[in-house]
Amino acid sequence: MSETVSFVQIVTAVTHKGALLYGLTTSGAVYEYNFSREVWIPLPMRALAEGSPGVNVVGLRGPGGTEERPA
């Protein structure tokens, strides 16, 4: 039996593994598409404490190429 999942946003990423697809639901759940199985797999997400040691934040490119950094 399959479950229907609706996304408000789908993004692509290119890594050393190749191209990846991620989907974001209205409830904030994140899924990764598994090309070989042709299914969306939920990814466990957790919040990090602000100022946690060892946290690496990558800047994001916004519209017009401006760089946005999380606060």
N, C-alpha and C. Protein backbone atom coordinates (compact mmCIF):
# COMPACT_ATOMS: atom_id res chain seq x y z
N MET A 1 0.84 -1.18 0.00
CA MET A 1 0.00 0.00 0.00
C MET A 1 0.88 1.24 0.00
N SER A 2 0.52 2.23 -0.80
CA SER A 2 1.33 3.44 -0.88
C SER A 2 0.59 4.62 -0.27
N GLU A 3 1.35 5.57 0.20
CA GLU A 3 0.83 6.78 0.83
C GLU A 3 1.11 7.96 -0.10
N THR A 4 0.17 8.88 -0.22
CA THR A 4 0.37 10.07 -1.04
C THR A 4 0.97 11.18 -0.19
N VAL A 5 2.04 11.78 -0.69
CA VAL A 5 2.71 12.89 -0.01
C VAL A 5 2.68 14.09 -0.94
N SER A 6 2.29 15.25 -0.42
CA SER A 6 2.27 16.48 -1.21
C SER A 6 3.36 17.41 -0.72
N PHE A 7 4.05 18.04 -1.66
CA PHE A 7 5.15 18.93 -1.32
C PHE A 7 4.81 20.37 -1.67
N VAL A 8 5.28 21.30 -0.83
CA VAL A 8 5.13 22.72 -1.12
C VAL A 8 6.38 23.22 -1.83
N GLN A 9 7.48 22.46 -1.72
CA GLN A 9 8.72 22.85 -2.39
C GLN A 9 9.54 21.60 -2.67
N ILE A 10 10.13 21.58 -3.86
CA ILE A 10 11.07 20.51 -4.24
C ILE A 10 12.36 21.19 -4.68
N VAL A 11 13.48 20.72 -4.15
CA VAL A 11 14.77 21.29 -4.50
C VAL A 11 15.70 20.20 -5.01
N THR A 12 16.67 20.61 -5.79
CA THR A 12 17.68 19.68 -6.29
C THR A 12 19.03 20.05 -5.68
N ALA A 13 19.86 19.06 -5.55
CA ALA A 13 21.22 19.27 -5.05
C ALA A 13 22.15 18.35 -5.81
N VAL A 14 23.37 18.80 -6.01
CA VAL A 14 24.38 17.96 -6.66
C VAL A 14 25.47 17.72 -5.63
N THR A 15 25.72 16.45 -5.36
CA THR A 15 26.76 16.08 -4.39
C THR A 15 27.70 15.09 -5.06
N HIS A 16 28.66 14.59 -4.29
CA HIS A 16 29.58 13.58 -4.82
C HIS A 16 28.82 12.29 -5.19
N LYS A 17 27.59 12.11 -4.66
CA LYS A 17 26.77 10.95 -5.01
C LYS A 17 26.00 11.16 -6.31
N GLY A 18 25.99 12.39 -6.80
CA GLY A 18 25.22 12.72 -8.00
C GLY A 18 24.07 13.66 -7.64
N ALA A 19 23.08 13.73 -8.51
CA ALA A 19 21.93 14.62 -8.29
C ALA A 19 20.98 14.02 -7.27
N LEU A 20 20.44 14.88 -6.40
CA LEU A 20 19.48 14.46 -5.38
C LEU A 20 18.26 15.36 -5.45
N LEU A 21 17.12 14.83 -5.06
CA LEU A 21 15.88 15.61 -4.96
C LEU A 21 15.41 15.57 -3.52
N TYR A 22 15.00 16.73 -3.02
CA TYR A 22 14.43 16.83 -1.68
C TYR A 22 13.07 17.50 -1.79
N GLY A 23 12.12 17.04 -0.97
CA GLY A 23 10.79 17.63 -0.94
C GLY A 23 10.46 18.09 0.46
N LEU A 24 9.76 19.24 0.56
CA LEU A 24 9.34 19.80 1.85
C LEU A 24 7.82 19.85 1.88
N THR A 25 7.22 19.28 2.93
CA THR A 25 5.77 19.27 3.07
C THR A 25 5.31 20.50 3.84
N THR A 26 4.00 20.75 3.85
CA THR A 26 3.46 21.90 4.58
C THR A 26 3.70 21.77 6.08
N SER A 27 3.84 20.55 6.59
CA SER A 27 4.09 20.36 8.02
C SER A 27 5.57 20.49 8.37
N GLY A 28 6.44 20.67 7.37
CA GLY A 28 7.87 20.82 7.61
C GLY A 28 8.67 19.55 7.51
N ALA A 29 8.04 18.45 7.14
CA ALA A 29 8.76 17.18 6.96
C ALA A 29 9.59 17.24 5.68
N VAL A 30 10.76 16.65 5.72
CA VAL A 30 11.66 16.63 4.56
C VAL A 30 11.80 15.20 4.06
N TYR A 31 11.71 15.04 2.74
CA TYR A 31 11.83 13.73 2.10
C TYR A 31 12.94 13.79 1.05
N GLU A 32 13.60 12.66 0.86
CA GLU A 32 14.60 12.52 -0.21
C GLU A 32 14.10 11.49 -1.19
N TYR A 33 14.24 11.77 -2.50
CA TYR A 33 13.78 10.83 -3.51
C TYR A 33 14.84 9.77 -3.75
N ASN A 34 14.42 8.51 -3.71
CA ASN A 34 15.30 7.38 -3.98
C ASN A 34 15.04 6.95 -5.43
N PHE A 35 15.97 7.28 -6.33
CA PHE A 35 15.78 7.01 -7.75
C PHE A 35 15.69 5.53 -8.06
N SER A 36 16.49 4.70 -7.39
CA SER A 36 16.49 3.27 -7.72
C SER A 36 15.20 2.59 -7.30
N ARG A 37 14.61 3.03 -6.18
CA ARG A 37 13.35 2.43 -5.71
C ARG A 37 12.11 3.21 -6.17
N GLU A 38 12.36 4.44 -6.70
CA GLU A 38 11.29 5.32 -7.17
C GLU A 38 10.28 5.63 -6.07
N VAL A 39 10.81 5.99 -4.88
CA VAL A 39 9.98 6.34 -3.72
C VAL A 39 10.59 7.55 -3.01
N TRP A 40 9.75 8.28 -2.28
CA TRP A 40 10.19 9.37 -1.42
C TRP A 40 10.38 8.80 -0.02
N ILE A 41 11.55 9.06 0.60
CA ILE A 41 11.87 8.53 1.91
C ILE A 41 11.96 9.69 2.91
N PRO A 42 11.21 9.61 4.02
CA PRO A 42 11.29 10.70 5.01
C PRO A 42 12.66 10.73 5.67
N LEU A 43 13.17 11.94 5.87
CA LEU A 43 14.46 12.11 6.53
C LEU A 43 14.24 12.58 7.96
N PRO A 44 14.90 11.94 8.91
CA PRO A 44 14.78 12.41 10.30
C PRO A 44 15.48 13.76 10.43
N MET A 45 14.77 14.73 10.99
CA MET A 45 15.32 16.07 11.17
C MET A 45 15.27 16.41 12.65
N ARG A 46 16.24 17.17 13.11
CA ARG A 46 16.22 17.61 14.50
C ARG A 46 16.81 19.02 14.56
N ALA A 47 16.35 19.78 15.50
CA ALA A 47 16.85 21.14 15.68
C ALA A 47 18.18 21.09 16.42
N LEU A 48 19.08 21.97 16.05
CA LEU A 48 20.35 22.09 16.74
C LEU A 48 20.28 23.28 17.68
N ALA A 49 20.87 23.15 18.83
CA ALA A 49 20.93 24.26 19.78
C ALA A 49 21.76 25.38 19.19
N GLU A 50 21.32 26.61 19.38
CA GLU A 50 22.03 27.77 18.85
C GLU A 50 23.44 27.81 19.45
N GLY A 51 24.43 28.02 18.58
CA GLY A 51 25.80 28.09 19.03
C GLY A 51 26.43 26.75 19.35
N SER A 52 25.83 25.67 18.88
CA SER A 52 26.38 24.33 19.14
C SER A 52 27.78 24.22 18.54
N PRO A 53 28.73 23.67 19.30
CA PRO A 53 30.07 23.49 18.73
C PRO A 53 30.05 22.48 17.59
N GLY A 54 30.83 22.75 16.58
CA GLY A 54 30.93 21.82 15.47
C GLY A 54 29.82 21.95 14.44
N VAL A 55 28.93 22.93 14.60
CA VAL A 55 27.86 23.11 13.62
C VAL A 55 28.42 23.90 12.45
N ASN A 56 28.28 23.39 11.25
CA ASN A 56 28.77 24.04 10.06
C ASN A 56 27.58 24.57 9.26
N VAL A 57 27.46 25.89 9.15
CA VAL A 57 26.36 26.50 8.42
C VAL A 57 26.87 26.98 7.08
N VAL A 58 26.18 26.60 6.03
CA VAL A 58 26.56 26.98 4.68
C VAL A 58 25.67 28.13 4.24
N GLY A 59 26.26 29.17 3.67
CA GLY A 59 25.48 30.30 3.17
C GLY A 59 24.63 29.88 1.98
N LEU A 60 23.48 30.50 1.85
CA LEU A 60 22.56 30.19 0.76
C LEU A 60 22.53 31.35 -0.22
N ARG A 61 22.39 31.05 -1.48
CA ARG A 61 22.28 32.10 -2.48
C ARG A 61 20.81 32.44 -2.68
N GLY A 62 20.47 33.68 -2.44
CA GLY A 62 19.10 34.14 -2.62
C GLY A 62 18.89 34.68 -4.02
N PRO A 63 17.70 35.24 -4.27
CA PRO A 63 17.43 35.82 -5.60
C PRO A 63 18.46 36.89 -5.94
N GLY A 64 18.87 36.91 -7.17
CA GLY A 64 19.82 37.91 -7.63
C GLY A 64 21.25 37.64 -7.20
N GLY A 65 21.52 36.44 -6.67
CA GLY A 65 22.87 36.08 -6.30
C GLY A 65 23.34 36.65 -4.98
N THR A 66 22.44 37.30 -4.21
CA THR A 66 22.84 37.81 -2.91
C THR A 66 23.01 36.66 -1.94
N GLU A 67 23.96 36.79 -1.07
CA GLU A 67 24.20 35.70 -0.12
C GLU A 67 23.42 35.95 1.16
N GLU A 68 22.72 34.93 1.63
CA GLU A 68 21.94 35.03 2.86
C GLU A 68 22.54 34.08 3.87
N ARG A 69 22.78 34.57 5.06
CA ARG A 69 23.31 33.72 6.15
C ARG A 69 22.26 33.63 7.24
N PRO A 70 22.05 32.43 7.76
CA PRO A 70 21.11 32.29 8.88
C PRO A 70 21.56 33.13 10.06
N ALA A 71 20.62 33.68 10.82
CA ALA A 71 20.95 34.53 11.97
C ALA A 71 21.53 33.73 13.10
